[in-house]
Amino acid sequence: MSDEREEAEQVGLFGSDEEFHRVWSEWNGMPEFSNDNRRAASSVMVHFASAADRAAFEELLGQKLPLGKRLGSIWYPPEAAFGVVDKRYRVPEEA
């Protein structure tokens, strides 16, 4: 897609050429976003016959399994929680 066509399509999202260029000027020059691959190399589903079996498995892993309707997932070995709430963009200081 040509840059000119892409820009024309983006202008349509903002309602006017002026609004597009106002917003674009605020974001122009921002660094590219890179997202590290956070996919598991392998996954396994485990079923427990009893609460005691679940507790024994948690003991073996050394970490608690999530509870509730949406069980989620865990990492093994345990990995610190990954979140973006504490992330901030800083402009590098120029020398």
Protein backbone atom coordinates (compact mmCIF):
# COMPACT_ATOMS: atom_id res chain seq x y z
CA MET A 1 0.00 0.00 0.00
CA SER A 2 1.38 3.38 -0.92
CA ASP A 3 2.08 5.92 1.81
CA GLU A 4 -0.34 8.34 0.16
CA ARG A 5 -3.19 5.82 0.11
CA GLU A 6 -2.46 4.73 3.69
CA GLU A 7 -2.54 8.36 4.87
CA ALA A 8 -5.84 8.93 3.04
CA GLU A 9 -7.38 5.92 4.80
CA GLN A 10 -6.12 7.16 8.16
CA VAL A 11 -7.60 10.62 7.57
CA GLY A 12 -10.98 8.91 7.19
CA LEU A 13 -10.67 7.54 10.72
CA PHE A 14 -10.22 11.02 12.21
CA GLY A 15 -12.93 12.82 10.29
CA SER A 16 -10.75 15.57 8.89
CA ASP A 17 -7.33 16.16 7.45
CA GLU A 18 -6.54 18.71 10.17
CA GLU A 19 -7.45 16.31 12.99
CA PHE A 20 -5.35 13.55 11.44
CA HIS A 21 -2.30 15.81 11.17
CA ARG A 22 -2.79 17.12 14.73
CA VAL A 23 -2.83 13.60 16.14
CA TRP A 24 -0.06 12.42 13.82
CA SER A 25 2.22 15.25 14.96
CA GLU A 26 1.85 14.04 18.56
CA TRP A 27 2.81 10.45 17.67
CA ASN A 28 5.33 11.16 14.92
CA GLY A 29 8.79 10.07 15.97
CA MET A 30 7.65 7.69 18.72
CA PRO A 31 9.69 4.50 18.93
CA GLU A 32 8.30 1.32 17.42
CA PHE A 33 6.50 -1.03 19.80
CA SER A 34 8.10 -4.42 20.16
CA ASN A 35 6.38 -7.28 21.90
CA ASP A 36 8.53 -10.14 23.10
CA ASN A 37 7.21 -13.60 22.29
CA ARG A 38 5.42 -14.65 25.49
CA ARG A 39 4.14 -17.95 24.10
CA ALA A 40 4.80 -21.21 25.84
CA ALA A 41 7.01 -23.72 24.07
CA SER A 42 4.63 -26.42 25.24
CA SER A 43 1.35 -26.70 27.19
CA VAL A 44 -0.39 -29.49 29.04
CA MET A 45 -3.87 -29.81 30.55
CA VAL A 46 -4.00 -31.66 33.88
CA HIS A 47 -7.13 -33.13 35.49
CA PHE A 48 -7.39 -33.97 39.20
CA ALA A 49 -9.62 -36.66 40.70
CA SER A 50 -9.69 -34.90 44.08
CA ALA A 51 -8.74 -31.76 45.94
CA ALA A 52 -5.99 -33.76 47.65
CA ASP A 53 -4.49 -34.68 44.28
CA ARG A 54 -4.53 -31.01 43.30
CA ALA A 55 -2.80 -30.03 46.55
CA ALA A 56 -0.14 -32.71 46.01
CA PHE A 57 0.49 -31.40 42.49
CA GLU A 58 0.80 -27.81 43.78
CA GLU A 59 3.30 -29.05 46.38
CA LEU A 60 5.29 -30.83 43.67
CA LEU A 61 5.36 -27.70 41.50
CA GLY A 62 6.10 -25.35 44.38
CA GLN A 63 3.35 -22.94 43.33
CA LYS A 64 -0.39 -22.56 43.77
CA LEU A 65 -2.74 -23.12 40.85
CA PRO A 66 -5.27 -20.38 40.09
CA LEU A 67 -8.81 -20.97 41.38
CA GLY A 68 -12.14 -19.91 39.98
CA LYS A 69 -14.23 -20.39 36.88
CA ARG A 70 -11.47 -19.10 34.60
CA LEU A 71 -8.44 -21.00 35.79
CA GLY A 72 -5.90 -19.21 33.64
CA SER A 73 -2.42 -20.68 33.52
CA ILE A 74 0.88 -20.94 35.33
CA TRP A 75 4.50 -21.04 34.22
CA TYR A 76 6.98 -23.70 35.24
CA PRO A 77 9.42 -22.92 36.60
CA PRO A 78 7.47 -20.14 38.32
CA GLU A 79 7.89 -16.83 36.53
CA ALA A 80 7.33 -13.39 37.97
CA ALA A 81 4.05 -11.85 36.82
CA PHE A 82 4.38 -9.96 33.57
CA GLY A 83 2.38 -6.78 33.37
CA VAL A 84 2.44 -3.41 31.71
CA VAL A 85 0.88 -1.26 34.45
CA ASP A 86 4.29 -0.27 35.79
CA LYS A 87 5.85 0.41 32.36
CA ARG A 88 6.55 3.98 31.26
CA TYR A 89 8.09 5.56 28.19
CA ARG A 90 11.11 7.75 28.86
CA VAL A 91 12.90 9.91 26.37
CA PRO A 92 16.61 9.06 26.49
CA GLU A 93 18.68 11.96 27.70
CA GLU A 94 20.95 13.35 25.06
CA ALA A 95 24.61 13.72 25.86
